[in-house]
Amino acid sequence: MPFYFYIIHSIKLDQYYLGHTQDLQNRIYRHANSGSKSTKKSKDWKIVYFEEFQSRSEAVRRERQVKHKKSKKYIKWLITPG
């Protein structure tokens, strides 16, 4: 079963959240409905980007790589098609 690195966005908060999971659809549903410490402030979280990996360690590595950029500009570049 694959693992995913994902980015979700809240229009209301104008914030991005980065994470990893093995069950992408369920994780997005949980963000939108029950939230987590970081996402409970809004219910409008939508997935804007994801990458699939064969192992959890690869997905975690990618998440950390993007988080280390600490740049909203980089995230916007990453999620923009083309």
PDB file of N, CA and C in Angstrom:
ATOM      1  N   MET A   1       0.842  -1.175   0.000  1.00  0.00           N
ATOM      2  CA  MET A   1       0.000   0.000   0.000  1.00  0.00           C
ATOM      3  C   MET A   1       0.895   1.250   0.000  1.00  0.00           C
ATOM      4  N   PRO A   2       0.617   2.217  -0.869  1.00  0.00           N
ATOM      5  CA  PRO A   2       1.477   3.401  -0.966  1.00  0.00           C
ATOM      6  C   PRO A   2       1.285   4.381   0.197  1.00  0.00           C
ATOM      7  N   PHE A   3       2.235   5.264   0.327  1.00  0.00           N
ATOM      8  CA  PHE A   3       2.188   6.364   1.289  1.00  0.00           C
ATOM      9  C   PHE A   3       2.166   7.666   0.502  1.00  0.00           C
ATOM     10  N   TYR A   4       1.648   8.704   1.118  1.00  0.00           N
ATOM     11  CA  TYR A   4       1.493   9.978   0.430  1.00  0.00           C
ATOM     12  C   TYR A   4       2.051  11.131   1.255  1.00  0.00           C
ATOM     13  N   PHE A   5       2.662  12.055   0.557  1.00  0.00           N
ATOM     14  CA  PHE A   5       2.962  13.387   1.085  1.00  0.00           C
ATOM     15  C   PHE A   5       1.876  14.274   0.499  1.00  0.00           C
ATOM     16  N   TYR A   6       1.254  15.123   1.319  1.00  0.00           N
ATOM     17  CA  TYR A   6       0.159  15.948   0.814  1.00  0.00           C
ATOM     18  C   TYR A   6       0.217  17.367   1.342  1.00  0.00           C
ATOM     19  N   ILE A   7      -0.448  18.250   0.605  1.00  0.00           N
ATOM     20  CA  ILE A   7      -0.609  19.644   1.023  1.00  0.00           C
ATOM     21  C   ILE A   7      -2.085  19.966   0.928  1.00  0.00           C
ATOM     22  N   ILE A   8      -2.636  20.502   2.028  1.00  0.00           N
ATOM     23  CA  ILE A   8      -4.017  20.975   2.010  1.00  0.00           C
ATOM     24  C   ILE A   8      -4.004  22.481   2.259  1.00  0.00           C
ATOM     25  N   HIS A   9      -5.074  23.134   1.857  1.00  0.00           N
ATOM     26  CA  HIS A   9      -5.159  24.592   1.975  1.00  0.00           C
ATOM     27  C   HIS A   9      -6.517  25.001   2.517  1.00  0.00           C
ATOM     28  N   SER A  10      -6.505  26.017   3.363  1.00  0.00           N
ATOM     29  CA  SER A  10      -7.735  26.628   3.872  1.00  0.00           C
ATOM     30  C   SER A  10      -7.839  28.029   3.282  1.00  0.00           C
ATOM     31  N   ILE A  11      -8.893  28.276   2.526  1.00  0.00           N
ATOM     32  CA  ILE A  11      -9.109  29.612   1.970  1.00  0.00           C
ATOM     33  C   ILE A  11      -9.399  30.589   3.104  1.00  0.00           C
ATOM     34  N   LYS A  12     -10.216  30.165   4.047  1.00  0.00           N
ATOM     35  CA  LYS A  12     -10.597  31.025   5.178  1.00  0.00           C
ATOM     36  C   LYS A  12      -9.368  31.537   5.939  1.00  0.00           C
ATOM     37  N   LEU A  13      -8.433  30.649   6.219  1.00  0.00           N
ATOM     38  CA  LEU A  13      -7.234  31.015   6.973  1.00  0.00           C
ATOM     39  C   LEU A  13      -6.069  31.441   6.084  1.00  0.00           C
ATOM     40  N   ASP A  14      -6.178  31.171   4.792  1.00  0.00           N
ATOM     41  CA  ASP A  14      -5.082  31.358   3.842  1.00  0.00           C
ATOM     42  C   ASP A  14      -3.804  30.697   4.368  1.00  0.00           C
ATOM     43  N   GLN A  15      -3.956  29.426   4.742  1.00  0.00           N
ATOM     44  CA  GLN A  15      -2.843  28.651   5.272  1.00  0.00           C
ATOM     45  C   GLN A  15      -2.749  27.309   4.562  1.00  0.00           C
ATOM     46  N   TYR A  16      -1.520  26.805   4.523  1.00  0.00           N
ATOM     47  CA  TYR A  16      -1.257  25.469   3.997  1.00  0.00           C
ATOM     48  C   TYR A  16      -0.878  24.562   5.161  1.00  0.00           C
ATOM     49  N   TYR A  17      -1.201  23.286   5.016  1.00  0.00           N
ATOM     50  CA  TYR A  17      -0.808  22.277   5.984  1.00  0.00           C
ATOM     51  C   TYR A  17      -0.163  21.142   5.198  1.00  0.00           C
ATOM     52  N   LEU A  18       0.989  20.691   5.652  1.00  0.00           N
ATOM     53  CA  LEU A  18       1.718  19.611   4.991  1.00  0.00           C
ATOM     54  C   LEU A  18       1.724  18.393   5.891  1.00  0.00           C
ATOM     55  N   GLY A  19       1.547  17.224   5.291  1.00  0.00           N
ATOM     56  CA  GLY A  19       1.545  16.006   6.085  1.00  0.00           C
ATOM     57  C   GLY A  19       1.852  14.783   5.244  1.00  0.00           C
ATOM     58  N   HIS A  20       1.800  13.630   5.889  1.00  0.00           N
ATOM     59  CA  HIS A  20       1.976  12.354   5.188  1.00  0.00           C
ATOM     60  C   HIS A  20       0.994  11.351   5.780  1.00  0.00           C
ATOM     61  N   THR A  21       0.612  10.389   4.979  1.00  0.00           N
ATOM     62  CA  THR A  21      -0.366   9.398   5.404  1.00  0.00           C
ATOM     63  C   THR A  21      -0.326   8.191   4.481  1.00  0.00           C
ATOM     64  N   GLN A  22      -0.950   7.126   4.917  1.00  0.00           N
ATOM     65  CA  GLN A  22      -1.111   5.947   4.064  1.00  0.00           C
ATOM     66  C   GLN A  22      -2.514   5.917   3.463  1.00  0.00           C
ATOM     67  N   ASP A  23      -3.458   6.586   4.094  1.00  0.00           N
ATOM     68  CA  ASP A  23      -4.847   6.631   3.624  1.00  0.00           C
ATOM     69  C   ASP A  23      -5.230   8.083   3.348  1.00  0.00           C
ATOM     70  N   LEU A  24      -4.963   8.534   2.162  1.00  0.00           N
ATOM     71  CA  LEU A  24      -5.114   9.940   1.802  1.00  0.00           C
ATOM     72  C   LEU A  24      -6.549  10.436   1.955  1.00  0.00           C
ATOM     73  N   GLN A  25      -7.503   9.717   1.422  1.00  0.00           N
ATOM     74  CA  GLN A  25      -8.895  10.179   1.475  1.00  0.00           C
ATOM     75  C   GLN A  25      -9.398  10.283   2.918  1.00  0.00           C
ATOM     76  N   ASN A  26      -9.115   9.285   3.732  1.00  0.00           N
ATOM     77  CA  ASN A  26      -9.536   9.310   5.129  1.00  0.00           C
ATOM     78  C   ASN A  26      -8.860  10.450   5.892  1.00  0.00           C
ATOM     79  N   ARG A  27      -7.592  10.681   5.632  1.00  0.00           N
ATOM     80  CA  ARG A  27      -6.862  11.738   6.339  1.00  0.00           C
ATOM     81  C   ARG A  27      -7.422  13.111   5.985  1.00  0.00           C
ATOM     82  N   ILE A  28      -7.730  13.337   4.733  1.00  0.00           N
ATOM     83  CA  ILE A  28      -8.301  14.616   4.322  1.00  0.00           C
ATOM     84  C   ILE A  28      -9.677  14.791   4.948  1.00  0.00           C
ATOM     85  N   TYR A  29     -10.451  13.724   4.983  1.00  0.00           N
ATOM     86  CA  TYR A  29     -11.766  13.774   5.621  1.00  0.00           C
ATOM     87  C   TYR A  29     -11.630  14.152   7.102  1.00  0.00           C
ATOM     88  N   ARG A  30     -10.673  13.546   7.787  1.00  0.00           N
ATOM     89  CA  ARG A  30     -10.479  13.852   9.209  1.00  0.00           C
ATOM     90  C   ARG A  30     -10.041  15.293   9.427  1.00  0.00           C
ATOM     91  N   HIS A  31      -9.194  15.815   8.542  1.00  0.00           N
ATOM     92  CA  HIS A  31      -8.807  17.232   8.654  1.00  0.00           C
ATOM     93  C   HIS A  31     -10.039  18.126   8.522  1.00  0.00           C
ATOM     94  N   ALA A  32     -10.887  17.817   7.563  1.00  0.00           N
ATOM     95  CA  ALA A  32     -12.049  18.663   7.283  1.00  0.00           C
ATOM     96  C   ALA A  32     -13.137  18.532   8.341  1.00  0.00           C
ATOM     97  N   ASN A  33     -13.213  17.408   9.025  1.00  0.00           N
ATOM     98  CA  ASN A  33     -14.321  17.177   9.945  1.00  0.00           C
ATOM     99  C   ASN A  33     -13.962  17.218  11.429  1.00  0.00           C
ATOM    100  N   SER A  34     -12.877  16.616  11.805  1.00  0.00           N
ATOM    101  CA  SER A  34     -12.525  16.656  13.215  1.00  0.00           C
ATOM    102  C   SER A  34     -11.288  17.498  13.467  1.00  0.00           C
ATOM    103  N   GLY A  35     -10.518  17.681  12.420  1.00  0.00           N
ATOM    104  CA  GLY A  35      -9.334  18.510  12.541  1.00  0.00           C
ATOM    105  C   GLY A  35      -8.239  17.887  13.377  1.00  0.00           C
ATOM    106  N   SER A  36      -7.181  18.597  13.476  1.00  0.00           N
ATOM    107  CA  SER A  36      -6.062  18.256  14.341  1.00  0.00           C
ATOM    108  C   SER A  36      -5.702  19.560  15.039  1.00  0.00           C
ATOM    109  N   LYS A  37      -4.710  19.557  15.843  1.00  0.00           N
ATOM    110  CA  LYS A  37      -4.306  20.775  16.548  1.00  0.00           C
ATOM    111  C   LYS A  37      -4.088  21.932  15.571  1.00  0.00           C
ATOM    112  N   SER A  38      -3.512  21.628  14.426  1.00  0.00           N
ATOM    113  CA  SER A  38      -3.200  22.672  13.451  1.00  0.00           C
ATOM    114  C   SER A  38      -4.342  23.009  12.511  1.00  0.00           C
ATOM    115  N   THR A  39      -5.296  22.096  12.328  1.00  0.00           N
ATOM    116  CA  THR A  39      -6.337  22.327  11.317  1.00  0.00           C
ATOM    117  C   THR A  39      -7.740  22.514  11.873  1.00  0.00           C
ATOM    118  N   LYS A  40      -7.908  22.469  13.184  1.00  0.00           N
ATOM    119  CA  LYS A  40      -9.260  22.556  13.738  1.00  0.00           C
ATOM    120  C   LYS A  40      -9.864  23.955  13.678  1.00  0.00           C
ATOM    121  N   LYS A  41      -9.080  24.970  13.332  1.00  0.00           N
ATOM    122  CA  LYS A  41      -9.573  26.342  13.267  1.00  0.00           C
ATOM    123  C   LYS A  41     -10.502  26.585  12.089  1.00  0.00           C
ATOM    124  N   SER A  42     -10.495  25.679  11.126  1.00  0.00           N
ATOM    125  CA  SER A  42     -11.309  25.850   9.929  1.00  0.00           C
ATOM    126  C   SER A  42     -11.789  24.495   9.431  1.00  0.00           C
ATOM    127  N   LYS A  43     -12.894  24.496   8.718  1.00  0.00           N
ATOM    128  CA  LYS A  43     -13.455  23.255   8.174  1.00  0.00           C
ATOM    129  C   LYS A  43     -13.356  23.201   6.649  1.00  0.00           C
ATOM    130  N   ASP A  44     -12.697  24.184   6.059  1.00  0.00           N
ATOM    131  CA  ASP A  44     -12.678  24.261   4.590  1.00  0.00           C
ATOM    132  C   ASP A  44     -11.384  23.733   3.961  1.00  0.00           C
ATOM    133  N   TRP A  45     -10.681  22.836   4.632  1.00  0.00           N
ATOM    134  CA  TRP A  45      -9.431  22.296   4.101  1.00  0.00           C
ATOM    135  C   TRP A  45      -9.681  21.452   2.851  1.00  0.00           C
ATOM    136  N   LYS A  46      -8.938  21.754   1.801  1.00  0.00           N
ATOM    137  CA  LYS A  46      -9.027  21.017   0.534  1.00  0.00           C
ATOM    138  C   LYS A  46      -7.630  20.602   0.109  1.00  0.00           C
ATOM    139  N   ILE A  47      -7.542  19.409  -0.442  1.00  0.00           N
ATOM    140  CA  ILE A  47      -6.242  18.943  -0.935  1.00  0.00           C
ATOM    141  C   ILE A  47      -5.880  19.709  -2.198  1.00  0.00           C
ATOM    142  N   VAL A  48      -4.658  20.213  -2.232  1.00  0.00           N
ATOM    143  CA  VAL A  48      -4.194  20.957  -3.401  1.00  0.00           C
ATOM    144  C   VAL A  48      -2.999  20.286  -4.074  1.00  0.00           C
ATOM    145  N   TYR A  49      -2.405  19.278  -3.386  1.00  0.00           N
ATOM    146  CA  TYR A  49      -1.226  18.633  -3.960  1.00  0.00           C
ATOM    147  C   TYR A  49      -0.933  17.342  -3.197  1.00  0.00           C
ATOM    148  N   PHE A  50      -0.463  16.328  -3.903  1.00  0.00           N
ATOM    149  CA  PHE A  50       0.037  15.121  -3.232  1.00  0.00           C
ATOM    150  C   PHE A  50       1.033  14.405  -4.124  1.00  0.00           C
ATOM    151  N   GLU A  51       1.896  13.630  -3.496  1.00  0.00           N
ATOM    152  CA  GLU A  51       2.860  12.773  -4.180  1.00  0.00           C
ATOM    153  C   GLU A  51       2.762  11.389  -3.549  1.00  0.00           C
ATOM    154  N   GLU A  52       2.914  10.369  -4.347  1.00  0.00           N
ATOM    155  CA  GLU A  52       2.824   8.983  -3.884  1.00  0.00           C
ATOM    156  C   GLU A  52       4.220   8.379  -3.751  1.00  0.00           C
ATOM    157  N   PHE A  53       4.418   7.597  -2.671  1.00  0.00           N
ATOM    158  CA  PHE A  53       5.699   6.940  -2.415  1.00  0.00           C
ATOM    159  C   PHE A  53       5.477   5.482  -2.038  1.00  0.00           C
ATOM    160  N   GLN A  54       6.513   4.691  -2.181  1.00  0.00           N
ATOM    161  CA  GLN A  54       6.430   3.267  -1.866  1.00  0.00           C
ATOM    162  C   GLN A  54       6.624   2.981  -0.378  1.00  0.00           C
ATOM    163  N   SER A  55       7.228   3.917   0.347  1.00  0.00           N
ATOM    164  CA  SER A  55       7.468   3.686   1.777  1.00  0.00           C
ATOM    165  C   SER A  55       7.143   4.930   2.591  1.00  0.00           C
ATOM    166  N   ARG A  56       6.869   4.710   3.857  1.00  0.00           N
ATOM    167  CA  ARG A  56       6.577   5.815   4.761  1.00  0.00           C
ATOM    168  C   ARG A  56       7.798   6.722   4.889  1.00  0.00           C
ATOM    169  N   SER A  57       8.972   6.147   4.958  1.00  0.00           N
ATOM    170  CA  SER A  57      10.188   6.953   5.129  1.00  0.00           C
ATOM    171  C   SER A  57      10.391   7.911   3.956  1.00  0.00           C
ATOM    172  N   GLU A  58      10.049   7.497   2.746  1.00  0.00           N
ATOM    173  CA  GLU A  58      10.163   8.393   1.595  1.00  0.00           C
ATOM    174  C   GLU A  58       9.171   9.551   1.703  1.00  0.00           C
ATOM    175  N   ALA A  59       7.947   9.257   2.132  1.00  0.00           N
ATOM    176  CA  ALA A  59       6.930  10.303   2.278  1.00  0.00           C
ATOM    177  C   ALA A  59       7.326  11.291   3.372  1.00  0.00           C
ATOM    178  N   VAL A  60       7.842  10.775   4.482  1.00  0.00           N
ATOM    179  CA  VAL A  60       8.295  11.643   5.582  1.00  0.00           C
ATOM    180  C   VAL A  60       9.467  12.498   5.124  1.00  0.00           C
ATOM    181  N   ARG A  61      10.390  11.905   4.385  1.00  0.00           N
ATOM    182  CA  ARG A  61      11.553  12.644   3.877  1.00  0.00           C
ATOM    183  C   ARG A  61      11.107  13.804   2.990  1.00  0.00           C
ATOM    184  N   ARG A  62      10.139  13.546   2.124  1.00  0.00           N
ATOM    185  CA  ARG A  62       9.643  14.596   1.235  1.00  0.00           C
ATOM    186  C   ARG A  62       8.927  15.699   2.018  1.00  0.00           C
ATOM    187  N   GLU A  63       8.125  15.297   3.005  1.00  0.00           N
ATOM    188  CA  GLU A  63       7.442  16.280   3.846  1.00  0.00           C
ATOM    189  C   GLU A  63       8.468  17.194   4.529  1.00  0.00           C
ATOM    190  N   ARG A  64       9.485  16.606   5.114  1.00  0.00           N
ATOM    191  CA  ARG A  64      10.525  17.393   5.799  1.00  0.00           C
ATOM    192  C   ARG A  64      11.265  18.301   4.829  1.00  0.00           C
ATOM    193  N   GLN A  65      11.523  17.787   3.632  1.00  0.00           N
ATOM    194  CA  GLN A  65      12.222  18.577   2.615  1.00  0.00           C
ATOM    195  C   GLN A  65      11.438  19.850   2.294  1.00  0.00           C
ATOM    196  N   VAL A  66      10.148  19.716   2.084  1.00  0.00           N
ATOM    197  CA  VAL A  66       9.315  20.876   1.740  1.00  0.00           C
ATOM    198  C   VAL A  66       9.164  21.793   2.951  1.00  0.00           C
ATOM    199  N   LYS A  67       8.983  21.224   4.137  1.00  0.00           N
ATOM    200  CA  LYS A  67       8.849  22.042   5.344  1.00  0.00           C
ATOM    201  C   LYS A  67      10.120  22.841   5.626  1.00  0.00           C
ATOM    202  N   HIS A  68      11.275  22.281   5.308  1.00  0.00           N
ATOM    203  CA  HIS A  68      12.542  22.979   5.543  1.00  0.00           C
ATOM    204  C   HIS A  68      12.669  24.236   4.687  1.00  0.00           C
ATOM    205  N   LYS A  69      11.957  24.287   3.589  1.00  0.00           N
ATOM    206  CA  LYS A  69      11.994  25.479   2.729  1.00  0.00           C
ATOM    207  C   LYS A  69      11.381  26.677   3.462  1.00  0.00           C
ATOM    208  N   LYS A  70      10.399  26.399   4.338  1.00  0.00           N
ATOM    209  CA  LYS A  70       9.717  27.436   5.119  1.00  0.00           C
ATOM    210  C   LYS A  70       9.275  28.603   4.248  1.00  0.00           C
ATOM    211  N   SER A  71       8.689  28.265   3.114  1.00  0.00           N
ATOM    212  CA  SER A  71       8.339  29.301   2.151  1.00  0.00           C
ATOM    213  C   SER A  71       6.973  29.049   1.530  1.00  0.00           C
ATOM    214  N   LYS A  72       6.065  29.982   1.733  1.00  0.00           N
ATOM    215  CA  LYS A  72       4.756  29.906   1.094  1.00  0.00           C
ATOM    216  C   LYS A  72       4.916  30.044  -0.420  1.00  0.00           C
ATOM    217  N   LYS A  73       5.895  30.834  -0.824  1.00  0.00           N
ATOM    218  CA  LYS A  73       6.169  31.021  -2.252  1.00  0.00           C
ATOM    219  C   LYS A  73       6.572  29.690  -2.904  1.00  0.00           C
ATOM    220  N   TYR A  74       7.406  28.905  -2.227  1.00  0.00           N
ATOM    221  CA  TYR A  74       7.816  27.606  -2.746  1.00  0.00           C
ATOM    222  C   TYR A  74       6.618  26.666  -2.845  1.00  0.00           C
ATOM    223  N   ILE A  75       5.773  26.653  -1.826  1.00  0.00           N
ATOM    224  CA  ILE A  75       4.578  25.792  -1.850  1.00  0.00           C
ATOM    225  C   ILE A  75       3.673  26.179  -3.006  1.00  0.00           C
ATOM    226  N   LYS A  76       3.462  27.474  -3.205  1.00  0.00           N
ATOM    227  CA  LYS A  76       2.620  27.932  -4.314  1.00  0.00           C
ATOM    228  C   LYS A  76       3.225  27.503  -5.650  1.00  0.00           C
ATOM    229  N   TRP A  77       4.546  27.577  -5.777  1.00  0.00           N
ATOM    230  CA  TRP A  77       5.223  27.136  -7.001  1.00  0.00           C
ATOM    231  C   TRP A  77       5.022  25.632  -7.197  1.00  0.00           C
ATOM    232  N   LEU A  78       5.148  24.877  -6.118  1.00  0.00           N
ATOM    233  CA  LEU A  78       5.031  23.421  -6.182  1.00  0.00           C
ATOM    234  C   LEU A  78       3.632  22.985  -6.618  1.00  0.00           C
ATOM    235  N   ILE A  79       2.602  23.647  -6.135  1.00  0.00           N
ATOM    236  CA  ILE A  79       1.229  23.226  -6.415  1.00  0.00           C
ATOM    237  C   ILE A  79       0.671  23.807  -7.708  1.00  0.00           C
ATOM    238  N   THR A  80       1.386  24.736  -8.321  1.00  0.00           N
ATOM    239  CA  THR A  80       0.922  25.352  -9.564  1.00  0.00           C
ATOM    240  C   THR A  80       1.218  24.424 -10.742  1.00  0.00           C
ATOM    241  N   PRO A  81       0.184  24.042 -11.487  1.00  0.00           N
ATOM    242  CA  PRO A  81       0.417  23.156 -12.639  1.00  0.00           C
ATOM    243  C   PRO A  81       1.183  23.867 -13.757  1.00  0.00           C
ATOM    244  N   GLY A  82       1.925  23.074 -14.484  1.00  0.00           N
ATOM    245  CA  GLY A  82       2.573  23.591 -15.679  1.00  0.00           C
ATOM    246  C   GLY A  82       3.984  23.860 -15.476  1.00  0.00           C
TER     247      GLY A  82
END
